[in-house]
Amino acid sequence: MGLLQDDNEWVRCLQVAFDFQMPRELRQLFVTICVEGNPSDIPALWRFASNPHMIEDFTRRGLAEEEAINRCLQEVERLFRAVGQSCVNFGLPEPVGMVMPVANDGSAFTVAENRELGAEMRDTLNDRQRAIFDRVIDLVNDGANQRRRRCLYLDGPGGSGKTHVMKVNYL
């Protein structure tokens, strides 16, 4: 709506968040600002935001600063893709070697490995689970194509396989 004259409000928002939020939440906030807040200079906002606070979890694992920034960009790219966007759409650098973290211990799969794991996991679904999985993927893809967001809820009795369905990777 053009209510903000410049990006100072977004800078202040990030500055406050640096004091209270973990790196993962900071990356999510940055993506939310880019997608929903319509900042005027996203590359400048990235230069401000990509400071030690946003990469702290990666540097704590012993990564060099340059690699930590790239991993941060990979995470930002993954978050953008979840809403049908990309770093390139916002004038940000494209991450090198898309790696998708899958565990809190820092282990990761490449995109190709993640696709292979997803295919293996999909093969383990029973007929009802597969029908639900396919319907959810159709809704997600349809929503992304129409730039609509959806909130989906999976319900069922304990032991019916809800968690298994939700863990299946789809790329």
Protein backbone atom coordinates (compact mmCIF):
# COMPACT_ATOMS: atom_id res chain seq x y z
CA MET A 1 0.00 0.00 0.00
CA GLY A 2 3.04 2.29 0.06
CA LEU A 3 2.62 3.24 3.70
CA LEU A 4 6.36 3.14 4.44
CA GLN A 5 8.57 5.77 2.84
CA ASP A 6 11.77 3.74 3.20
CA ASP A 7 13.12 0.53 4.69
CA ASN A 8 14.08 2.02 8.06
CA GLU A 9 11.12 0.31 9.74
CA TRP A 10 12.33 -3.07 8.47
CA VAL A 11 15.87 -2.31 9.65
CA ARG A 12 14.55 -1.44 13.12
CA CYS A 13 12.43 -4.59 13.14
CA LEU A 14 15.49 -6.71 12.35
CA GLN A 15 17.62 -4.87 14.93
CA VAL A 16 15.11 -5.69 17.67
CA ALA A 17 14.86 -9.29 16.47
CA PHE A 18 18.66 -9.67 16.58
CA ASP A 19 18.47 -9.29 20.37
CA PHE A 20 15.73 -11.87 20.93
CA GLN A 21 15.49 -14.35 18.06
CA MET A 22 17.51 -17.38 17.07
CA PRO A 23 19.17 -17.43 13.61
CA ARG A 24 16.49 -19.67 12.10
CA GLU A 25 13.75 -17.26 13.20
CA LEU A 26 15.75 -14.30 11.87
CA ARG A 27 15.95 -15.93 8.45
CA GLN A 28 12.20 -16.58 8.53
CA LEU A 29 11.58 -12.96 9.52
CA PHE A 30 13.77 -11.73 6.67
CA VAL A 31 11.83 -13.84 4.16
CA THR A 32 8.51 -12.66 5.60
CA ILE A 33 9.61 -9.04 5.30
CA CYS A 34 10.66 -9.59 1.69
CA VAL A 35 7.50 -11.43 0.67
CA GLU A 36 4.90 -9.51 2.68
CA GLY A 37 6.50 -6.18 3.55
CA ASN A 38 7.46 -4.98 0.06
CA PRO A 39 10.76 -3.34 1.06
CA SER A 40 12.18 -0.95 -1.51
CA ASP A 41 15.81 -2.17 -1.49
CA ILE A 42 15.97 -5.86 -0.64
CA PRO A 43 19.67 -6.31 -1.53
CA ALA A 44 20.58 -3.49 0.90
CA LEU A 45 18.33 -5.06 3.54
CA TRP A 46 20.13 -8.40 2.94
CA ARG A 47 23.54 -6.76 3.38
CA PHE A 48 22.31 -5.41 6.71
CA ALA A 49 20.57 -8.63 7.76
CA SER A 50 23.31 -11.10 6.78
CA ASN A 51 25.36 -10.29 9.83
CA PRO A 52 26.73 -12.60 12.53
CA HIS A 53 23.28 -12.97 14.11
CA MET A 54 21.77 -14.69 11.04
CA ILE A 55 24.70 -17.07 10.53
CA GLU A 56 25.53 -17.79 14.16
CA ASP A 57 24.22 -21.37 14.07
CA PHE A 58 26.46 -22.18 11.11
CA THR A 59 29.58 -20.49 12.47
CA ARG A 60 29.08 -22.30 15.77
CA ARG A 61 29.39 -25.55 13.80
CA GLY A 62 32.82 -24.42 12.64
CA LEU A 63 31.98 -23.15 9.16
CA ALA A 64 34.02 -20.28 7.77
CA GLU A 65 32.11 -17.01 7.40
CA GLU A 66 31.80 -17.26 3.61
CA GLU A 67 30.41 -20.81 3.81
CA ALA A 68 28.11 -19.82 6.70
CA ILE A 69 26.67 -16.98 4.61
CA ASN A 70 26.11 -19.40 1.73
CA ARG A 71 24.32 -21.85 4.05
CA CYS A 72 22.22 -18.94 5.30
CA LEU A 73 21.35 -18.10 1.69
CA GLN A 74 20.43 -21.75 1.11
CA GLU A 75 18.03 -21.62 4.04
CA VAL A 76 16.56 -18.34 2.81
CA GLU A 77 16.14 -19.87 -0.65
CA ARG A 78 14.37 -22.89 0.87
CA LEU A 79 12.00 -20.55 2.74
CA PHE A 80 11.36 -18.52 -0.41
CA ARG A 81 10.60 -21.69 -2.37
CA ALA A 82 8.01 -22.66 0.23
CA VAL A 83 6.01 -19.61 -0.86
CA GLY A 84 6.74 -19.96 -4.58
CA GLN A 85 9.58 -17.44 -4.71
CA SER A 86 13.37 -17.47 -5.04
CA CYS A 87 16.35 -15.38 -3.95
CA VAL A 88 16.83 -14.30 -7.57
CA ASN A 89 13.28 -12.86 -7.66
CA PHE A 90 14.34 -10.41 -4.94
CA GLY A 91 17.74 -9.46 -6.36
CA LEU A 92 19.64 -11.58 -3.86
CA PRO A 93 22.64 -13.76 -4.65
CA GLU A 94 21.80 -17.31 -5.62
CA PRO A 95 23.15 -19.83 -3.10
CA VAL A 96 25.90 -22.14 -4.29
CA GLY A 97 25.16 -25.87 -4.12
CA MET A 98 21.67 -26.10 -2.69
CA VAL A 99 21.96 -28.23 0.46
CA MET A 100 18.84 -28.93 2.47
CA PRO A 101 19.36 -29.50 6.20
CA VAL A 102 17.19 -32.26 7.55
CA ALA A 103 18.24 -32.57 11.17
CA ASN A 104 19.27 -30.40 14.08
CA ASP A 105 22.62 -32.16 14.26
CA GLY A 106 23.77 -30.42 11.06
CA SER A 107 23.44 -33.44 8.78
CA ALA A 108 22.21 -32.58 5.32
CA PHE A 109 21.20 -34.04 1.99
CA THR A 110 21.77 -32.58 -1.44
CA VAL A 111 18.67 -31.90 -3.53
CA ALA A 112 19.28 -35.08 -5.55
CA GLU A 113 19.62 -37.17 -2.38
CA ASN A 114 16.49 -35.54 -0.97
CA ARG A 115 14.52 -36.40 -4.13
CA GLU A 116 15.71 -40.00 -3.93
CA LEU A 117 14.77 -40.24 -0.25
CA GLY A 118 11.36 -38.73 -1.03
CA ALA A 119 10.72 -41.31 -3.75
CA GLU A 120 11.68 -44.11 -1.35
CA MET A 121 9.41 -42.70 1.36
CA ARG A 122 6.47 -42.30 -1.04
CA ASP A 123 6.82 -45.99 -1.93
CA THR A 124 6.17 -46.89 1.72
CA LEU A 125 2.76 -45.19 1.83
CA ASN A 126 -0.33 -47.39 1.83
CA ASP A 127 -3.17 -46.63 -0.62
CA ARG A 128 -5.08 -44.25 1.71
CA GLN A 129 -1.91 -42.43 2.74
CA ARG A 130 -0.86 -42.12 -0.90
CA ALA A 131 -4.27 -40.67 -1.86
CA ILE A 132 -3.99 -38.08 0.93
CA PHE A 133 -0.38 -37.27 0.02
CA ASP A 134 -1.25 -36.82 -3.67
CA ARG A 135 -4.24 -34.59 -2.81
CA VAL A 136 -2.11 -32.39 -0.54
CA ILE A 137 0.61 -32.04 -3.18
CA ASP A 138 -2.03 -31.13 -5.79
CA LEU A 139 -3.44 -28.44 -3.47
CA VAL A 140 0.02 -27.07 -2.68
CA ASN A 141 1.03 -26.93 -6.34
CA ASP A 142 -2.31 -25.36 -7.32
CA GLY A 143 -1.94 -22.74 -4.56
CA ALA A 144 1.63 -21.93 -5.62
CA ASN A 145 0.56 -21.53 -9.25
CA GLN A 146 -2.23 -19.17 -8.23
CA ARG A 147 -0.07 -17.47 -5.55
CA ARG A 148 -2.56 -18.50 -2.90
CA ARG A 149 -1.71 -19.75 0.53
CA ARG A 150 -3.39 -22.72 2.06
CA CYS A 151 -3.67 -24.09 5.55
CA LEU A 152 -4.09 -27.84 5.51
CA TYR A 153 -4.98 -30.01 8.49
CA LEU A 154 -4.40 -33.75 8.63
CA ASP A 155 -6.57 -35.52 11.19
CA GLY A 156 -6.92 -39.15 12.15
CA PRO A 157 -6.73 -41.51 15.09
CA GLY A 158 -3.42 -42.31 16.75
CA GLY A 159 -1.39 -44.85 14.82
CA SER A 160 -3.07 -44.14 11.48
CA GLY A 161 0.18 -42.88 9.89
CA LYS A 162 -0.34 -39.08 9.95
CA THR A 163 3.25 -38.40 10.99
CA HIS A 164 4.61 -40.75 8.35
CA VAL A 165 2.62 -38.96 5.63
CA MET A 166 3.85 -35.56 6.84
CA LYS A 167 7.50 -36.68 6.82
CA VAL A 168 7.44 -37.74 3.15
CA ASN A 169 9.67 -35.40 1.16
CA TYR A 170 8.43 -33.90 -2.06
CA LEU A 171 10.68 -31.97 -4.43
